[in-house]
Amino acid sequence: MTKEHEFFIYLLEYYAAYKDMPTSKVLTELEELDLVDYICNGMYWRYSTEAIENAFEDIDQLIAERKPENAHHNYREYAIRVLDSLSEEQLIEFVRIFGDESTVARMESEIQSNASDAE
């Protein structure tokens, strides 16, 4: 057994106690969210050299980010950030490509109205 696997077992047992959950349930959740290899191999050096409570907080965040009920929220936030980064011209082009005719017309009307108000 590698030192990474030994530490993962240690971390898993203490994390389960911290969450007051059976170790098997924690492991199942980590497997379902595809986090076992990431935690075991990808985060070994970080987790093994800092306070274990930091690892617990990090694992809580990783689980929250990967849970299906949060996926829609994360994609929505990402889409909003992307759209906010577009210039007015880029946003109009995006709507022309992906929107319907009434959405494009409404958007162009709002832009013209805002331009008139600014003058």
Protein backbone atom coordinates (compact mmCIF):
# COMPACT_ATOMS: atom_id res chain seq x y z
CA MET A 1 0.00 0.00 0.00
CA THR A 2 1.35 3.44 -0.95
CA LYS A 3 1.72 6.28 1.52
CA GLU A 4 -0.99 8.12 -0.44
CA HIS A 5 -3.43 5.24 0.11
CA GLU A 6 -2.52 4.96 3.78
CA PHE A 7 -3.10 8.67 4.26
CA PHE A 8 -6.35 8.54 2.30
CA ILE A 9 -7.67 5.83 4.65
CA TYR A 10 -6.62 7.91 7.66
CA LEU A 11 -8.24 11.02 6.18
CA LEU A 12 -11.38 9.12 5.23
CA GLU A 13 -11.84 7.71 8.73
CA TYR A 14 -11.31 11.07 10.43
CA TYR A 15 -13.49 12.89 7.91
CA ALA A 16 -16.29 10.37 8.51
CA ALA A 17 -16.00 10.95 12.26
CA TYR A 18 -16.00 14.72 11.68
CA LYS A 19 -19.21 14.37 9.63
CA ASP A 20 -20.64 11.82 12.09
CA MET A 21 -21.25 9.44 9.19
CA PRO A 22 -20.25 5.84 8.52
CA THR A 23 -16.96 5.63 6.65
CA SER A 24 -18.58 3.45 3.99
CA LYS A 25 -21.17 6.15 3.27
CA VAL A 26 -18.49 8.83 2.92
CA LEU A 27 -16.47 6.61 0.60
CA THR A 28 -19.55 5.87 -1.52
CA GLU A 29 -20.30 9.58 -1.85
CA LEU A 30 -16.71 10.37 -2.82
CA GLU A 31 -16.77 7.58 -5.40
CA GLU A 32 -20.09 8.76 -6.86
CA LEU A 33 -18.70 12.29 -7.21
CA ASP A 34 -15.44 11.00 -8.73
CA LEU A 35 -13.34 12.50 -5.93
CA VAL A 36 -11.43 9.49 -4.59
CA ASP A 37 -8.47 9.64 -6.97
CA TYR A 38 -8.33 13.42 -6.77
CA ILE A 39 -8.21 13.40 -2.97
CA CYS A 40 -6.00 10.31 -2.66
CA ASN A 41 -3.40 11.17 -5.28
CA GLY A 42 -3.94 14.76 -6.35
CA MET A 43 -4.20 16.33 -2.91
CA TYR A 44 -1.94 14.05 -0.86
CA TRP A 45 0.91 16.53 -0.40
CA ARG A 46 -1.36 19.40 0.51
CA TYR A 47 -3.61 17.49 2.88
CA SER A 48 -0.75 15.62 4.55
CA THR A 49 1.17 18.80 5.35
CA GLU A 50 -1.54 21.04 6.74
CA ALA A 51 -4.10 20.92 9.53
CA ILE A 52 -6.60 18.16 8.91
CA GLU A 53 -9.46 20.61 9.48
CA ASN A 54 -8.35 22.44 6.32
CA ALA A 55 -8.70 19.19 4.38
CA PHE A 56 -12.17 18.68 5.87
CA GLU A 57 -13.27 22.16 4.74
CA ASP A 58 -11.82 21.56 1.29
CA ILE A 59 -13.55 18.18 0.95
CA ASP A 60 -16.85 19.76 2.06
CA GLN A 61 -16.46 22.35 -0.68
CA LEU A 62 -15.50 19.76 -3.32
CA ILE A 63 -18.57 17.67 -2.44
CA ALA A 64 -20.86 20.71 -2.52
CA GLU A 65 -19.54 21.76 -5.93
CA ARG A 66 -19.99 18.32 -7.46
CA LYS A 67 -23.42 17.45 -6.07
CA PRO A 68 -25.99 17.27 -8.86
CA GLU A 69 -28.35 19.75 -7.20
CA ASN A 70 -25.59 22.37 -7.36
CA ALA A 71 -24.53 21.67 -10.94
CA HIS A 72 -27.32 23.81 -12.44
CA HIS A 73 -26.42 26.68 -10.12
CA ASN A 74 -22.73 26.48 -11.04
CA TYR A 75 -23.47 26.41 -14.78
CA ARG A 76 -25.86 29.33 -14.40
CA GLU A 77 -23.24 31.43 -12.58
CA TYR A 78 -20.67 30.57 -15.22
CA ALA A 79 -23.04 31.55 -18.04
CA ILE A 80 -23.82 34.86 -16.33
CA ARG A 81 -20.10 35.63 -15.94
CA VAL A 82 -19.49 34.83 -19.61
CA LEU A 83 -22.40 36.97 -20.81
CA ASP A 84 -21.34 39.84 -18.51
CA SER A 85 -17.89 39.78 -20.11
CA LEU A 86 -19.28 40.34 -23.62
CA SER A 87 -19.32 43.76 -25.22
CA GLU A 88 -22.66 45.13 -26.38
CA GLU A 89 -21.88 44.14 -29.97
CA GLN A 90 -20.85 40.62 -28.94
CA LEU A 91 -24.01 40.24 -26.86
CA ILE A 92 -26.19 41.33 -29.77
CA GLU A 93 -24.43 38.83 -32.04
CA PHE A 94 -24.92 36.09 -29.43
CA VAL A 95 -28.64 36.83 -29.21
CA ARG A 96 -28.93 36.92 -33.00
CA ILE A 97 -27.36 33.47 -33.22
CA PHE A 98 -29.15 31.80 -30.31
CA GLY A 99 -32.26 33.90 -29.73
CA ASP A 100 -35.53 34.07 -31.57
CA GLU A 101 -36.65 37.05 -33.66
CA SER A 102 -38.79 38.61 -30.93
CA THR A 103 -35.91 38.46 -28.42
CA VAL A 104 -33.55 40.13 -30.91
CA ALA A 105 -36.13 42.84 -31.68
CA ARG A 106 -36.79 43.46 -27.97
CA MET A 107 -33.09 43.68 -27.21
CA GLU A 108 -32.37 46.07 -30.06
CA SER A 109 -35.31 48.22 -28.96
CA GLU A 110 -34.00 48.34 -25.38
CA ILE A 111 -30.53 49.30 -26.59
CA GLN A 112 -31.96 52.10 -28.75
CA SER A 113 -34.09 53.27 -25.83
CA ASN A 114 -31.10 53.29 -23.47
CA ALA A 115 -29.04 55.18 -26.05
CA SER A 116 -31.80 57.80 -26.37
CA ASP A 117 -32.02 58.15 -22.57
CA ALA A 118 -28.25 58.62 -22.31
CA GLU A 119 -28.34 61.56 -24.74
